[in-house]
Amino acid sequence: MRKYKKWLWLILIILLFSTVVLISAFIPRETRPSAGTRIILEHTYKTYIAPVCFEESDPTNFLEEATLQEAENLNYPPHSPCTEKALESENDRLLTSLLKQIGIMDKKWDNW
């Protein structure tokens, strides 16, 4: 009888886990850039620039490499629409978003 209960619990746990994984594959979630995302501070204009937009931003020489958190702490806005677009959230499924948050999958901002 005890052996039967152990197997029943094991099957219930596996079914519960499988159901959660299956459901999370269909629930949408936004993946946002982390606070540590690399950006460039443009101190002359008091803005920040995404690295992918640097060439077209026509920056001055008063630059500093920083993180998105530092730019937000300084209340710097994005330098251009290109930077805004580059830092837009990604629409992922819950499972994909969680895998990106814990670092198993790469976010688009990780390779900057």
Protein backbone atom coordinates (compact mmCIF):
# COMPACT_ATOMS: atom_id res chain seq x y z
CA MET A 1 0.00 0.00 0.00
CA ARG A 2 2.82 2.44 0.83
CA LYS A 3 4.54 1.76 -2.47
CA TYR A 4 1.30 2.55 -4.28
CA LYS A 5 1.03 5.95 -2.54
CA LYS A 6 4.61 6.87 -3.43
CA TRP A 7 3.97 6.14 -7.11
CA LEU A 8 0.71 8.08 -7.00
CA TRP A 9 2.48 11.14 -5.55
CA LEU A 10 5.26 10.87 -8.11
CA ILE A 11 2.75 10.70 -10.98
CA LEU A 12 0.79 13.67 -9.58
CA ILE A 13 3.96 15.77 -9.26
CA ILE A 14 5.03 14.91 -12.82
CA LEU A 15 1.57 15.76 -14.15
CA LEU A 16 1.50 19.06 -12.26
CA PHE A 17 4.97 20.01 -13.51
CA SER A 18 4.07 19.04 -17.09
CA THR A 19 0.87 21.09 -16.92
CA VAL A 20 2.72 24.17 -15.66
CA VAL A 21 5.36 23.87 -18.42
CA LEU A 22 2.69 23.37 -21.08
CA ILE A 23 0.61 26.33 -19.90
CA SER A 24 3.68 28.59 -19.69
CA ALA A 25 4.37 27.88 -23.35
CA PHE A 26 1.20 29.79 -24.27
CA ILE A 27 1.05 32.71 -21.80
CA PRO A 28 2.57 35.92 -23.25
CA ARG A 29 5.05 37.99 -21.24
CA GLU A 30 7.23 41.01 -21.97
CA THR A 31 10.98 40.56 -21.66
CA ARG A 32 12.64 43.87 -20.80
CA PRO A 33 16.32 44.80 -20.88
CA SER A 34 17.99 44.23 -17.54
CA ALA A 35 19.29 47.10 -15.41
CA GLY A 36 22.83 46.02 -16.31
CA THR A 37 22.32 46.41 -20.07
CA ARG A 38 25.29 48.25 -21.55
CA ILE A 39 24.59 51.72 -22.97
CA ILE A 40 26.55 54.90 -23.70
CA LEU A 41 25.87 58.10 -21.78
CA GLU A 42 25.99 61.27 -23.88
CA HIS A 43 26.63 63.87 -21.16
CA THR A 44 26.52 66.92 -23.45
CA TYR A 45 22.88 66.26 -24.37
CA LYS A 46 22.13 64.39 -21.11
CA THR A 47 20.86 61.35 -23.03
CA TYR A 48 21.84 57.71 -23.47
CA ILE A 49 22.59 55.80 -26.66
CA ALA A 50 22.16 52.10 -27.42
CA PRO A 51 25.43 50.68 -28.80
CA VAL A 52 23.70 49.54 -32.00
CA CYS A 53 22.68 53.17 -32.63
CA PHE A 54 26.02 54.77 -31.83
CA GLU A 55 27.24 55.38 -35.41
CA GLU A 56 24.08 57.20 -36.48
CA SER A 57 23.73 59.22 -33.26
CA ASP A 58 26.37 61.85 -34.09
CA PRO A 59 27.71 61.95 -30.51
CA THR A 60 29.98 64.53 -28.96
CA ASN A 61 33.20 63.61 -27.13
CA PHE A 62 31.63 63.78 -23.66
CA LEU A 63 30.74 60.08 -23.51
CA GLU A 64 30.81 57.38 -20.87
CA GLU A 65 30.05 53.68 -20.99
CA ALA A 66 27.43 52.80 -18.37
CA THR A 67 24.41 50.64 -17.65
CA LEU A 68 20.76 51.31 -18.27
CA GLN A 69 20.26 51.59 -14.49
CA GLU A 70 22.81 54.41 -14.31
CA ALA A 71 21.08 56.27 -17.15
CA GLU A 72 17.74 55.92 -15.39
CA ASN A 73 19.26 57.14 -12.11
CA LEU A 74 20.48 60.26 -13.95
CA ASN A 75 17.02 60.67 -15.55
CA TYR A 76 18.59 60.68 -19.01
CA PRO A 77 16.11 60.06 -21.85
CA PRO A 78 16.94 58.00 -24.96
CA HIS A 79 19.07 59.95 -27.45
CA SER A 80 17.04 59.00 -30.53
CA PRO A 81 14.14 56.88 -31.79
CA CYS A 82 16.74 54.28 -32.75
CA THR A 83 17.71 53.89 -29.08
CA GLU A 84 14.06 53.73 -28.03
CA LYS A 85 13.41 51.00 -30.60
CA ALA A 86 16.56 49.08 -29.68
CA LEU A 87 15.51 48.96 -26.02
CA GLU A 88 11.86 48.05 -26.62
CA SER A 89 10.57 45.01 -24.77
CA GLU A 90 10.36 41.69 -26.56
CA ASN A 91 7.04 39.84 -26.56
CA ASP A 92 7.82 36.26 -25.58
CA ARG A 93 5.99 33.34 -24.08
CA LEU A 94 6.26 32.96 -20.31
CA LEU A 95 8.60 29.96 -20.51
CA THR A 96 10.92 31.69 -23.00
CA SER A 97 10.92 34.90 -20.96
CA LEU A 98 11.80 33.04 -17.76
CA LEU A 99 14.62 31.18 -19.52
CA LYS A 100 15.98 34.55 -20.71
CA GLN A 101 15.69 36.07 -17.23
CA ILE A 102 17.70 33.29 -15.61
CA GLY A 103 20.32 33.36 -18.37
CA ILE A 104 19.72 30.05 -20.14
CA MET A 105 18.68 31.87 -23.32
CA ASP A 106 20.21 35.13 -24.57
CA LYS A 107 18.28 38.38 -24.67
CA LYS A 108 18.84 40.62 -27.69
CA TRP A 109 20.58 43.12 -25.38
CA ASP A 110 23.13 40.65 -23.98
CA ASN A 111 25.60 40.91 -26.86
CA TRP A 112 26.05 44.69 -26.83
